[in-house]
């Protein structure tokens, strides 16, 4: 795993006081290689699968991903 650019911007505070790390602009899956990029920087990793959890209003929406060719 490599993570670059993670210190390029500071998190902000939402009106409720929670920390906001910004947006995820894209998630690219190519075989067992995953790339996530957004305000948090760019994360590149190799894995058999990943699990993505989106948190909104205290509710966690989870998805288990399996590496697939594009």
Protein backbone atom coordinates (compact mmCIF):
# COMPACT_ATOMS: atom_id res chain seq x y z
CA UNK A 1 0.00 0.00 0.00
CA UNK A 2 1.14 3.52 -0.76
CA UNK A 3 -0.61 6.67 0.42
CA UNK A 4 0.50 9.99 -1.07
CA UNK A 5 -0.79 13.53 -0.65
CA UNK A 6 -2.51 12.83 2.66
CA UNK A 7 -1.22 16.03 4.22
CA UNK A 8 -2.04 18.31 1.28
CA UNK A 9 -5.24 19.61 2.91
CA UNK A 10 -6.53 19.77 6.45
CA UNK A 11 -9.89 18.29 7.39
CA UNK A 12 -12.74 20.70 8.00
CA UNK A 13 -15.55 20.65 10.56
CA UNK A 14 -19.15 19.99 9.61
CA UNK A 15 -21.93 22.10 11.21
CA UNK A 16 -22.50 19.32 13.77
CA UNK A 17 -18.82 19.50 14.79
CA UNK A 18 -17.74 16.21 13.19
CA UNK A 19 -14.49 16.03 11.22
CA UNK A 20 -14.89 16.04 7.42
CA UNK A 21 -12.00 14.56 5.44
CA UNK A 22 -13.50 15.61 2.11
CA UNK A 23 -14.63 13.68 -0.93
CA UNK A 24 -13.57 10.48 -2.60
CA UNK A 25 -13.33 11.46 -6.24
CA UNK A 26 -12.86 7.97 -7.61
CA UNK A 27 -12.27 4.31 -6.85
CA UNK A 28 -10.60 2.29 -9.62
CA UNK A 29 -10.46 -1.51 -9.49
CA UNK A 30 -8.12 -3.28 -11.90
CA UNK A 31 -7.67 -6.93 -11.00
CA UNK A 32 -6.21 -6.95 -7.48
CA UNK A 33 -5.07 -3.30 -7.68
CA UNK A 34 -7.26 -0.64 -6.06
CA UNK A 35 -6.79 3.13 -6.31
CA UNK A 36 -8.76 5.63 -4.23
CA UNK A 37 -8.25 9.35 -4.75
CA UNK A 38 -9.83 12.45 -3.31
CA UNK A 39 -9.24 15.13 -0.71
CA UNK A 40 -7.61 12.46 1.46
CA UNK A 41 -4.84 11.99 -1.11
CA UNK A 42 -4.25 8.90 -3.24
CA UNK A 43 -4.15 5.37 -1.88
CA UNK A 44 -2.86 2.51 -4.06
CA UNK A 45 -3.07 -1.04 -2.77
CA UNK A 46 -3.03 -4.64 -3.89
CA UNK A 47 -5.47 -7.03 -2.20
CA UNK A 48 -7.66 -10.04 -2.98
CA UNK A 49 -10.70 -7.98 -1.92
CA UNK A 50 -11.66 -4.82 -0.08
CA UNK A 51 -14.57 -3.74 2.07
CA UNK A 52 -16.02 -0.25 1.66
CA UNK A 53 -18.14 1.34 4.39
CA UNK A 54 -19.97 4.63 3.82
CA UNK A 55 -21.16 6.45 6.90
CA UNK A 56 -24.07 8.86 6.61
CA UNK A 57 -26.14 10.25 9.48
CA UNK A 58 -24.78 7.58 11.82
CA UNK A 59 -25.80 4.73 9.51
CA UNK A 60 -23.06 2.53 8.05
CA UNK A 61 -23.67 1.21 4.54
CA UNK A 62 -21.16 -1.53 3.78
CA UNK A 63 -20.19 -3.34 0.59
CA UNK A 64 -17.74 -6.18 0.25
CA UNK A 65 -15.78 -5.91 -2.99
CA UNK A 66 -14.11 -8.76 -4.82
CA UNK A 67 -11.34 -8.00 -7.26
CA UNK A 68 -12.64 -8.10 -10.82
CA UNK A 69 -11.12 -7.27 -14.17
CA UNK A 70 -12.28 -4.07 -15.80
